[in-house]
């Protein structure tokens, strides 16, 4: 994340929220948002080793959310 981001852990928490909340009327949008977060799994691993404790904690929560993610829009066709 860029140095200009002042609340890095808040941004990571937003990514977790994207995975946890559904938007049934817009399944294609939800699926695209979920794929974007899920595709960032390797970066989430990096965040779990960040120097900032809040970022590490948010990174761990995001990894957990990614690893346990299941929803209707992400199920294989």
C-alpha atoms as a PDB file:
ATOM      1  CA  UNK A   1       0.000   0.000   0.000  1.00  0.00           C
ATOM      2  CA  UNK A   2       1.164   3.496  -0.703  1.00  0.00           C
ATOM      3  CA  UNK A   3       2.788   5.530   2.032  1.00  0.00           C
ATOM      4  CA  UNK A   4       0.038   8.122   1.553  1.00  0.00           C
ATOM      5  CA  UNK A   5      -2.580   5.779   3.048  1.00  0.00           C
ATOM      6  CA  UNK A   6      -2.988   6.887   6.652  1.00  0.00           C
ATOM      7  CA  UNK A   7      -5.186   4.042   7.873  1.00  0.00           C
ATOM      8  CA  UNK A   8      -3.746   0.905   6.290  1.00  0.00           C
ATOM      9  CA  UNK A   9      -5.459  -1.444   8.728  1.00  0.00           C
ATOM     10  CA  UNK A  10      -8.784   0.237   7.908  1.00  0.00           C
ATOM     11  CA  UNK A  11      -8.282  -0.444   4.207  1.00  0.00           C
ATOM     12  CA  UNK A  12      -7.520  -4.101   4.959  1.00  0.00           C
ATOM     13  CA  UNK A  13     -10.642  -4.320   7.128  1.00  0.00           C
ATOM     14  CA  UNK A  14     -12.655  -2.904   4.208  1.00  0.00           C
ATOM     15  CA  UNK A  15     -11.416  -5.759   2.004  1.00  0.00           C
ATOM     16  CA  UNK A  16     -12.573  -8.261   4.624  1.00  0.00           C
ATOM     17  CA  UNK A  17     -15.979  -6.540   4.760  1.00  0.00           C
ATOM     18  CA  UNK A  18     -16.312  -6.860   0.983  1.00  0.00           C
ATOM     19  CA  UNK A  19     -16.032 -10.644   1.350  1.00  0.00           C
ATOM     20  CA  UNK A  20     -18.433 -10.873   4.275  1.00  0.00           C
ATOM     21  CA  UNK A  21     -21.380  -8.902   2.914  1.00  0.00           C
ATOM     22  CA  UNK A  22     -23.534  -9.965   0.021  1.00  0.00           C
ATOM     23  CA  UNK A  23     -25.214  -7.852  -2.610  1.00  0.00           C
ATOM     24  CA  UNK A  24     -27.743 -10.290  -4.140  1.00  0.00           C
ATOM     25  CA  UNK A  25     -29.311  -7.864  -6.642  1.00  0.00           C
ATOM     26  CA  UNK A  26     -25.883  -7.337  -8.219  1.00  0.00           C
ATOM     27  CA  UNK A  27     -24.318 -10.810  -8.257  1.00  0.00           C
ATOM     28  CA  UNK A  28     -21.887  -9.986 -11.087  1.00  0.00           C
ATOM     29  CA  UNK A  29     -20.592  -6.942  -9.215  1.00  0.00           C
ATOM     30  CA  UNK A  30     -20.320  -8.927  -5.993  1.00  0.00           C
ATOM     31  CA  UNK A  31     -18.459 -11.722  -7.764  1.00  0.00           C
ATOM     32  CA  UNK A  32     -15.987  -9.265  -9.333  1.00  0.00           C
ATOM     33  CA  UNK A  33     -15.357  -7.594  -5.966  1.00  0.00           C
ATOM     34  CA  UNK A  34     -14.853 -10.938  -4.257  1.00  0.00           C
ATOM     35  CA  UNK A  35     -12.481 -12.134  -6.996  1.00  0.00           C
ATOM     36  CA  UNK A  36     -10.420  -8.967  -6.609  1.00  0.00           C
ATOM     37  CA  UNK A  37     -10.028  -9.567  -2.876  1.00  0.00           C
ATOM     38  CA  UNK A  38      -9.464 -13.320  -3.219  1.00  0.00           C
ATOM     39  CA  UNK A  39      -6.828 -12.770  -5.897  1.00  0.00           C
ATOM     40  CA  UNK A  40      -4.869 -10.662  -3.410  1.00  0.00           C
ATOM     41  CA  UNK A  41      -4.220 -13.622  -1.079  1.00  0.00           C
ATOM     42  CA  UNK A  42      -0.432 -13.445  -1.490  1.00  0.00           C
ATOM     43  CA  UNK A  43      -0.420  -9.760  -0.523  1.00  0.00           C
ATOM     44  CA  UNK A  44      -2.537 -10.576   2.521  1.00  0.00           C
ATOM     45  CA  UNK A  45       0.202 -12.987   3.605  1.00  0.00           C
ATOM     46  CA  UNK A  46       2.751 -10.179   3.311  1.00  0.00           C
ATOM     47  CA  UNK A  47       0.564  -7.914   5.465  1.00  0.00           C
ATOM     48  CA  UNK A  48       0.593 -10.490   8.283  1.00  0.00           C
ATOM     49  CA  UNK A  49       4.312  -9.722   8.677  1.00  0.00           C
ATOM     50  CA  UNK A  50       4.042  -5.912   8.567  1.00  0.00           C
ATOM     51  CA  UNK A  51       5.882  -3.788  11.144  1.00  0.00           C
ATOM     52  CA  UNK A  52       2.592  -2.206  12.288  1.00  0.00           C
ATOM     53  CA  UNK A  53       0.704  -4.415  14.775  1.00  0.00           C
ATOM     54  CA  UNK A  54      -2.705  -3.166  13.582  1.00  0.00           C
ATOM     55  CA  UNK A  55      -1.815  -4.024   9.987  1.00  0.00           C
ATOM     56  CA  UNK A  56      -0.586  -7.487  11.044  1.00  0.00           C
ATOM     57  CA  UNK A  57      -3.834  -8.159  12.898  1.00  0.00           C
ATOM     58  CA  UNK A  58      -5.984  -6.918  10.010  1.00  0.00           C
ATOM     59  CA  UNK A  59      -3.874  -8.979   7.607  1.00  0.00           C
ATOM     60  CA  UNK A  60      -4.415 -12.124   9.680  1.00  0.00           C
ATOM     61  CA  UNK A  61      -8.168 -11.481   9.756  1.00  0.00           C
ATOM     62  CA  UNK A  62      -8.189 -10.957   5.991  1.00  0.00           C
ATOM     63  CA  UNK A  63      -6.277 -14.208   5.397  1.00  0.00           C
ATOM     64  CA  UNK A  64      -8.816 -16.034   7.552  1.00  0.00           C
ATOM     65  CA  UNK A  65     -11.705 -14.436   5.651  1.00  0.00           C
ATOM     66  CA  UNK A  66     -10.151 -15.347   2.299  1.00  0.00           C
ATOM     67  CA  UNK A  67      -9.405 -18.932   3.335  1.00  0.00           C
ATOM     68  CA  UNK A  68     -12.907 -19.512   4.680  1.00  0.00           C
ATOM     69  CA  UNK A  69     -14.807 -17.610   1.982  1.00  0.00           C
ATOM     70  CA  UNK A  70     -17.812 -19.294   0.412  1.00  0.00           C
ATOM     71  CA  UNK A  71     -20.797 -17.594  -1.171  1.00  0.00           C
ATOM     72  CA  UNK A  72     -23.330 -18.118  -3.926  1.00  0.00           C
ATOM     73  CA  UNK A  73     -21.658 -15.707  -6.343  1.00  0.00           C
ATOM     74  CA  UNK A  74     -18.255 -17.407  -6.044  1.00  0.00           C
ATOM     75  CA  UNK A  75     -19.375 -21.017  -6.408  1.00  0.00           C
ATOM     76  CA  UNK A  76     -18.134 -22.697  -9.568  1.00  0.00           C
ATOM     77  CA  UNK A  77     -20.741 -22.883 -12.317  1.00  0.00           C
END
